[in-house]
């Protein structure tokens, strides 16, 4: 049985991404997309595009539109997976648009979104580890 990691954190993400010139960030977000597919696909029948494919191919092909759509969709999937598993944590596409997009106007919004994303993933993974 696969055990998913539950120790994602914003500070570690920022520091290690800085030290590794962004490689750690790519690895973490790739792991998030893989984990969401493993946890949520049996409930919703969807598959999220791998983050590296999005980052290296579709991001520049679509002039930055694909990452916006990807983050919207993965946020909605995570929010739905939280509801299906009866985890009381508010996260979804609105979190992406509110904190990551509009919150960028105040500067710290994307950091708040990333924190909430990691907390939602940690909760999902902990529930999966405990109940499957």
N, C-alpha and C. Protein backbone atom coordinates (compact mmCIF):
# COMPACT_ATOMS: atom_id res chain seq x y z
N UNK A 1 0.84 -1.17 0.00
CA UNK A 1 0.00 0.00 0.00
C UNK A 1 0.89 1.25 0.00
N UNK A 2 0.53 2.20 -0.82
CA UNK A 2 1.30 3.44 -0.94
C UNK A 2 0.98 4.37 0.22
N UNK A 3 2.00 4.86 0.86
CA UNK A 3 1.84 5.89 1.89
C UNK A 3 2.30 7.21 1.30
N UNK A 4 1.42 8.20 1.36
CA UNK A 4 1.75 9.51 0.82
C UNK A 4 2.32 10.40 1.91
N UNK A 5 3.22 11.29 1.51
CA UNK A 5 3.85 12.17 2.49
C UNK A 5 2.88 13.26 2.93
N UNK A 6 3.02 13.62 4.19
CA UNK A 6 2.11 14.60 4.79
C UNK A 6 2.88 15.76 5.42
N UNK A 7 4.07 16.01 4.93
CA UNK A 7 4.91 17.04 5.55
C UNK A 7 5.22 18.20 4.62
N UNK A 8 4.32 18.49 3.69
CA UNK A 8 4.56 19.63 2.81
C UNK A 8 4.41 20.91 3.61
N UNK A 9 5.32 21.85 3.41
CA UNK A 9 5.24 23.11 4.13
C UNK A 9 5.74 24.25 3.28
N UNK A 10 5.21 25.42 3.53
CA UNK A 10 5.53 26.59 2.72
C UNK A 10 6.99 27.03 2.90
N UNK A 11 7.47 27.08 4.12
CA UNK A 11 8.83 27.55 4.36
C UNK A 11 9.86 26.63 3.70
N UNK A 12 9.69 25.33 3.87
CA UNK A 12 10.59 24.37 3.24
C UNK A 12 10.53 24.50 1.72
N UNK A 13 9.33 24.67 1.19
CA UNK A 13 9.14 24.83 -0.25
C UNK A 13 9.89 26.05 -0.78
N UNK A 14 9.76 27.17 -0.09
CA UNK A 14 10.41 28.41 -0.53
C UNK A 14 11.92 28.29 -0.43
N UNK A 15 12.42 27.85 0.71
CA UNK A 15 13.87 27.78 0.92
C UNK A 15 14.54 26.78 -0.03
N UNK A 16 13.98 25.58 -0.14
CA UNK A 16 14.60 24.58 -1.00
C UNK A 16 14.45 24.93 -2.48
N UNK A 17 13.36 25.58 -2.85
CA UNK A 17 13.22 26.04 -4.23
C UNK A 17 14.27 27.10 -4.55
N UNK A 18 14.52 27.98 -3.61
CA UNK A 18 15.54 29.01 -3.81
C UNK A 18 16.93 28.40 -3.93
N UNK A 19 17.25 27.49 -3.02
CA UNK A 19 18.58 26.86 -3.02
C UNK A 19 18.82 26.03 -4.28
N UNK A 20 17.77 25.37 -4.78
CA UNK A 20 17.93 24.49 -5.95
C UNK A 20 17.55 25.19 -7.25
N UNK A 21 17.42 26.50 -7.21
CA UNK A 21 17.08 27.29 -8.41
C UNK A 21 15.76 26.84 -9.05
N UNK A 22 14.78 26.50 -8.22
CA UNK A 22 13.44 26.16 -8.69
C UNK A 22 13.18 24.68 -8.94
N UNK A 23 14.21 23.86 -8.90
CA UNK A 23 14.02 22.44 -9.19
C UNK A 23 13.15 21.77 -8.13
N UNK A 24 13.37 22.12 -6.86
CA UNK A 24 12.56 21.52 -5.79
C UNK A 24 11.09 21.87 -5.98
N UNK A 25 10.79 23.08 -6.39
CA UNK A 25 9.41 23.48 -6.63
C UNK A 25 8.76 22.64 -7.72
N UNK A 26 9.51 22.36 -8.78
CA UNK A 26 8.99 21.50 -9.85
C UNK A 26 8.72 20.09 -9.35
N UNK A 27 9.63 19.58 -8.53
CA UNK A 27 9.47 18.23 -7.99
C UNK A 27 8.24 18.15 -7.08
N UNK A 28 8.08 19.12 -6.21
CA UNK A 28 6.94 19.12 -5.29
C UNK A 28 5.62 19.24 -6.04
N UNK A 29 5.55 20.15 -6.98
CA UNK A 29 4.29 20.30 -7.72
C UNK A 29 4.00 19.10 -8.61
N UNK A 30 5.04 18.45 -9.12
CA UNK A 30 4.84 17.20 -9.87
C UNK A 30 4.29 16.12 -8.96
N UNK A 31 4.82 16.05 -7.75
CA UNK A 31 4.34 15.07 -6.78
C UNK A 31 2.89 15.37 -6.39
N UNK A 32 2.54 16.64 -6.28
CA UNK A 32 1.15 17.00 -5.97
C UNK A 32 0.22 16.53 -7.08
N UNK A 33 0.59 16.77 -8.33
CA UNK A 33 -0.28 16.34 -9.43
C UNK A 33 -0.40 14.83 -9.49
N UNK A 34 0.68 14.10 -9.25
CA UNK A 34 0.62 12.64 -9.24
C UNK A 34 -0.24 12.13 -8.09
N UNK A 35 -0.08 12.73 -6.92
CA UNK A 35 -0.83 12.29 -5.75
C UNK A 35 -2.32 12.55 -5.91
N UNK A 36 -2.68 13.71 -6.44
CA UNK A 36 -4.10 14.01 -6.67
C UNK A 36 -4.68 12.98 -7.62
N UNK A 37 -3.95 12.61 -8.65
CA UNK A 37 -4.45 11.59 -9.57
C UNK A 37 -4.67 10.26 -8.87
N UNK A 38 -3.77 9.87 -8.00
CA UNK A 38 -3.91 8.59 -7.31
C UNK A 38 -5.03 8.60 -6.29
N UNK A 39 -5.25 9.72 -5.62
CA UNK A 39 -6.28 9.79 -4.58
C UNK A 39 -7.66 10.06 -5.15
N UNK A 40 -7.78 10.98 -6.09
CA UNK A 40 -9.09 11.46 -6.52
C UNK A 40 -9.67 10.77 -7.74
N UNK A 41 -8.87 10.14 -8.57
CA UNK A 41 -9.37 9.60 -9.83
C UNK A 41 -10.46 8.55 -9.64
N UNK A 42 -10.36 7.76 -8.60
CA UNK A 42 -11.38 6.73 -8.41
C UNK A 42 -12.74 7.32 -8.06
N UNK A 43 -12.78 8.56 -7.55
CA UNK A 43 -14.04 9.21 -7.23
C UNK A 43 -14.57 10.06 -8.37
N UNK A 44 -13.68 10.74 -9.09
CA UNK A 44 -14.16 11.67 -10.12
C UNK A 44 -13.85 11.25 -11.55
N UNK A 45 -13.03 10.22 -11.73
CA UNK A 45 -12.73 9.73 -13.07
C UNK A 45 -11.89 10.66 -13.92
N UNK A 46 -11.28 11.68 -13.33
CA UNK A 46 -10.49 12.65 -14.08
C UNK A 46 -9.01 12.36 -13.90
N UNK A 47 -8.20 13.00 -14.74
CA UNK A 47 -6.75 12.88 -14.63
C UNK A 47 -6.16 14.26 -14.84
N UNK A 48 -5.36 14.69 -13.88
CA UNK A 48 -4.69 15.99 -13.95
C UNK A 48 -3.38 15.85 -14.72
N UNK A 49 -3.13 16.79 -15.61
CA UNK A 49 -1.89 16.78 -16.38
C UNK A 49 -0.69 16.89 -15.45
N UNK A 50 0.37 16.16 -15.75
CA UNK A 50 1.58 16.21 -14.95
C UNK A 50 2.16 17.63 -15.00
N UNK A 51 2.64 18.10 -13.86
CA UNK A 51 3.11 19.48 -13.76
C UNK A 51 4.28 19.78 -14.68
N UNK A 52 5.20 18.83 -14.85
CA UNK A 52 6.36 19.07 -15.73
C UNK A 52 5.92 19.25 -17.18
N UNK A 53 4.94 18.48 -17.62
CA UNK A 53 4.42 18.63 -18.98
C UNK A 53 3.80 20.02 -19.13
N UNK A 54 3.04 20.44 -18.14
CA UNK A 54 2.45 21.76 -18.15
C UNK A 54 3.53 22.84 -18.18
N UNK A 55 4.50 22.72 -17.30
CA UNK A 55 5.52 23.74 -17.13
C UNK A 55 6.43 23.87 -18.35
N UNK A 56 6.90 22.73 -18.86
CA UNK A 56 7.90 22.78 -19.93
C UNK A 56 7.31 22.86 -21.34
N UNK A 57 6.06 22.44 -21.52
CA UNK A 57 5.49 22.42 -22.87
C UNK A 57 4.33 23.40 -23.01
N UNK A 58 3.28 23.20 -22.24
CA UNK A 58 2.05 23.95 -22.48
C UNK A 58 2.07 25.38 -21.95
N UNK A 59 2.89 25.64 -20.97
CA UNK A 59 2.93 26.99 -20.41
C UNK A 59 3.32 28.02 -21.47
N UNK A 60 4.39 27.77 -22.16
CA UNK A 60 4.83 28.76 -23.15
C UNK A 60 4.04 28.66 -24.45
N UNK A 61 3.52 27.46 -24.77
CA UNK A 61 2.72 27.32 -25.99
C UNK A 61 1.41 28.12 -25.91
N UNK A 62 0.88 28.23 -24.71
CA UNK A 62 -0.40 28.93 -24.52
C UNK A 62 -0.22 30.33 -23.94
N UNK A 63 1.01 30.82 -23.95
CA UNK A 63 1.31 32.16 -23.45
C UNK A 63 0.85 32.35 -22.00
N UNK A 64 0.98 31.31 -21.19
CA UNK A 64 0.68 31.39 -19.77
C UNK A 64 -0.75 31.10 -19.38
N UNK A 65 -1.60 30.77 -20.33
CA UNK A 65 -3.01 30.48 -20.03
C UNK A 65 -3.15 29.09 -19.40
N UNK A 66 -2.42 28.10 -19.89
CA UNK A 66 -2.54 26.73 -19.40
C UNK A 66 -2.28 26.61 -17.90
N UNK A 67 -1.26 27.26 -17.34
CA UNK A 67 -1.08 27.15 -15.89
C UNK A 67 -2.26 27.70 -15.08
N UNK A 68 -2.90 28.74 -15.57
CA UNK A 68 -4.07 29.29 -14.88
C UNK A 68 -5.19 28.26 -14.87
N UNK A 69 -5.43 27.63 -16.02
CA UNK A 69 -6.47 26.61 -16.12
C UNK A 69 -6.09 25.40 -15.25
N UNK A 70 -4.82 25.00 -15.28
CA UNK A 70 -4.36 23.85 -14.50
C UNK A 70 -4.57 24.08 -13.01
N UNK A 71 -4.15 25.24 -12.51
CA UNK A 71 -4.31 25.53 -11.08
C UNK A 71 -5.78 25.61 -10.69
N UNK A 72 -6.62 26.18 -11.56
CA UNK A 72 -8.06 26.21 -11.29
C UNK A 72 -8.60 24.79 -11.15
N UNK A 73 -8.26 23.94 -12.11
CA UNK A 73 -8.78 22.57 -12.11
C UNK A 73 -8.25 21.73 -10.96
N UNK A 74 -6.96 21.82 -10.67
CA UNK A 74 -6.42 21.00 -9.58
C UNK A 74 -6.96 21.50 -8.24
N UNK A 75 -7.16 22.78 -8.08
CA UNK A 75 -7.74 23.30 -6.84
C UNK A 75 -9.16 22.79 -6.67
N UNK A 76 -9.93 22.80 -7.74
CA UNK A 76 -11.30 22.27 -7.68
C UNK A 76 -11.30 20.77 -7.36
N UNK A 77 -10.39 20.02 -7.97
CA UNK A 77 -10.31 18.57 -7.68
C UNK A 77 -9.96 18.30 -6.24
N UNK A 78 -9.00 19.05 -5.72
CA UNK A 78 -8.61 18.86 -4.32
C UNK A 78 -9.78 19.21 -3.41
N UNK A 79 -10.47 20.30 -3.71
CA UNK A 79 -11.65 20.68 -2.92
C UNK A 79 -12.72 19.61 -2.94
N UNK A 80 -12.97 19.04 -4.12
CA UNK A 80 -13.97 17.97 -4.23
C UNK A 80 -13.52 16.72 -3.49
N UNK A 81 -12.24 16.39 -3.56
CA UNK A 81 -11.72 15.22 -2.85
C UNK A 81 -11.85 15.41 -1.34
N UNK A 82 -11.63 16.63 -0.86
CA UNK A 82 -11.82 16.91 0.56
C UNK A 82 -13.27 16.68 0.97
N UNK A 83 -14.21 17.11 0.13
CA UNK A 83 -15.63 16.91 0.43
C UNK A 83 -16.00 15.44 0.41
N UNK A 84 -15.53 14.71 -0.61
CA UNK A 84 -15.83 13.27 -0.72
C UNK A 84 -15.33 12.53 0.51
N UNK A 85 -14.20 12.92 1.03
CA UNK A 85 -13.61 12.24 2.19
C UNK A 85 -14.06 12.86 3.52
N UNK A 86 -15.02 13.80 3.46
CA UNK A 86 -15.57 14.45 4.65
C UNK A 86 -14.50 15.10 5.52
N UNK A 87 -13.57 15.76 4.87
CA UNK A 87 -12.53 16.50 5.57
C UNK A 87 -12.98 17.95 5.63
N UNK A 88 -13.08 18.48 6.83
CA UNK A 88 -13.60 19.83 7.04
C UNK A 88 -12.48 20.86 6.84
N UNK A 89 -12.20 21.17 5.59
CA UNK A 89 -11.21 22.20 5.26
C UNK A 89 -11.68 22.88 3.99
N UNK A 90 -11.72 24.19 4.01
CA UNK A 90 -12.22 24.96 2.88
C UNK A 90 -11.10 25.21 1.88
N UNK A 91 -11.23 24.58 0.71
CA UNK A 91 -10.26 24.76 -0.37
C UNK A 91 -10.95 24.43 -1.67
N UNK A 92 -10.60 25.15 -2.73
CA UNK A 92 -11.20 24.89 -4.04
C UNK A 92 -10.72 25.89 -5.06
N UNK A 93 -11.43 25.94 -6.16
CA UNK A 93 -11.06 26.87 -7.23
C UNK A 93 -11.17 28.31 -6.76
N UNK A 94 -12.12 28.59 -5.89
CA UNK A 94 -12.25 29.94 -5.34
C UNK A 94 -11.03 30.36 -4.54
N UNK A 95 -10.40 29.40 -3.89
CA UNK A 95 -9.17 29.68 -3.15
C UNK A 95 -8.07 30.13 -4.10
N UNK A 96 -8.00 29.45 -5.26
CA UNK A 96 -7.01 29.83 -6.26
C UNK A 96 -7.26 31.24 -6.76
N UNK A 97 -8.51 31.53 -7.16
CA UNK A 97 -8.81 32.84 -7.73
C UNK A 97 -8.72 33.94 -6.68
N UNK A 98 -9.12 33.65 -5.46
CA UNK A 98 -9.08 34.66 -4.41
C UNK A 98 -7.67 34.96 -3.93
N UNK A 99 -6.93 33.91 -3.56
CA UNK A 99 -5.61 34.14 -2.98
C UNK A 99 -4.51 34.25 -4.02
N UNK A 100 -4.48 33.34 -4.98
CA UNK A 100 -3.35 33.34 -5.92
C UNK A 100 -3.47 34.45 -6.96
N UNK A 101 -4.67 34.69 -7.44
CA UNK A 101 -4.83 35.70 -8.50
C UNK A 101 -5.07 37.08 -7.90
N UNK A 102 -6.19 37.25 -7.18
CA UNK A 102 -6.47 38.56 -6.60
C UNK A 102 -5.50 38.90 -5.47
N UNK A 103 -5.09 37.90 -4.72
CA UNK A 103 -4.16 38.13 -3.62
C UNK A 103 -2.79 38.57 -4.08
N UNK A 104 -2.48 38.34 -5.34
CA UNK A 104 -1.18 38.81 -5.85
C UNK A 104 -1.12 40.34 -5.85
N UNK A 105 -2.26 40.99 -5.81
CA UNK A 105 -2.28 42.45 -5.75
C UNK A 105 -1.74 42.97 -4.42
N UNK A 106 -1.85 42.16 -3.36
CA UNK A 106 -1.31 42.57 -2.06
C UNK A 106 0.04 41.91 -1.79
N UNK A 107 0.50 41.12 -2.73
CA UNK A 107 1.84 40.56 -2.64
C UNK A 107 1.93 39.18 -1.99
N UNK A 108 1.27 38.99 -0.86
CA UNK A 108 1.42 37.72 -0.15
C UNK A 108 0.36 36.68 -0.51
N UNK A 109 -0.58 37.05 -1.35
CA UNK A 109 -1.66 36.14 -1.72
C UNK A 109 -1.19 34.80 -2.26
N UNK A 110 -0.25 34.77 -3.21
CA UNK A 110 0.23 33.48 -3.72
C UNK A 110 0.88 32.61 -2.63
N UNK A 111 1.50 33.24 -1.65
CA UNK A 111 2.07 32.47 -0.54
C UNK A 111 0.97 31.84 0.31
N UNK A 112 -0.10 32.60 0.55
CA UNK A 112 -1.23 32.07 1.31
C UNK A 112 -1.86 30.91 0.54
N UNK A 113 -2.04 31.09 -0.78
CA UNK A 113 -2.60 30.01 -1.60
C UNK A 113 -1.73 28.76 -1.52
N UNK A 114 -0.44 28.92 -1.65
CA UNK A 114 0.47 27.75 -1.62
C UNK A 114 0.40 27.06 -0.27
N UNK A 115 0.34 27.83 0.81
CA UNK A 115 0.18 27.25 2.14
C UNK A 115 -1.11 26.44 2.23
N UNK A 116 -2.21 27.03 1.75
CA UNK A 116 -3.49 26.34 1.79
C UNK A 116 -3.49 25.10 0.91
N UNK A 117 -2.84 25.16 -0.24
CA UNK A 117 -2.71 24.00 -1.12
C UNK A 117 -1.98 22.87 -0.42
N UNK A 118 -0.86 23.19 0.21
CA UNK A 118 -0.08 22.16 0.90
C UNK A 118 -0.84 21.60 2.09
N UNK A 119 -1.57 22.45 2.82
CA UNK A 119 -2.35 21.94 3.96
C UNK A 119 -3.46 21.01 3.47
N UNK A 120 -4.14 21.39 2.39
CA UNK A 120 -5.19 20.54 1.84
C UNK A 120 -4.62 19.20 1.38
N UNK A 121 -3.47 19.24 0.73
CA UNK A 121 -2.84 17.99 0.28
C UNK A 121 -2.40 17.13 1.47
N UNK A 122 -1.85 17.76 2.50
CA UNK A 122 -1.45 17.01 3.69
C UNK A 122 -2.66 16.34 4.35
N UNK A 123 -3.79 17.06 4.43
CA UNK A 123 -5.00 16.48 5.00
C UNK A 123 -5.52 15.31 4.16
N UNK A 124 -5.55 15.50 2.84
CA UNK A 124 -5.98 14.43 1.95
C UNK A 124 -5.10 13.19 2.09
N UNK A 125 -3.80 13.41 2.09
CA UNK A 125 -2.86 12.30 2.17
C UNK A 125 -2.94 11.59 3.51
N UNK A 126 -3.12 12.36 4.59
CA UNK A 126 -3.25 11.75 5.91
C UNK A 126 -4.51 10.89 5.98
N UNK A 127 -5.61 11.40 5.44
CA UNK A 127 -6.85 10.63 5.42
C UNK A 127 -6.67 9.36 4.57
N UNK A 128 -6.03 9.49 3.42
CA UNK A 128 -5.80 8.33 2.57
C UNK A 128 -4.92 7.30 3.28
N UNK A 129 -3.86 7.76 3.92
CA UNK A 129 -2.96 6.85 4.63
C UNK A 129 -3.69 6.13 5.77
N UNK A 130 -4.58 6.82 6.45
CA UNK A 130 -5.28 6.24 7.59
C UNK A 130 -6.42 5.29 7.18
N UNK A 131 -7.07 5.58 6.05
CA UNK A 131 -8.30 4.86 5.71
C UNK A 131 -8.22 3.92 4.51
N UNK A 132 -7.10 3.86 3.85
CA UNK A 132 -7.01 2.97 2.68
C UNK A 132 -5.91 1.96 2.87
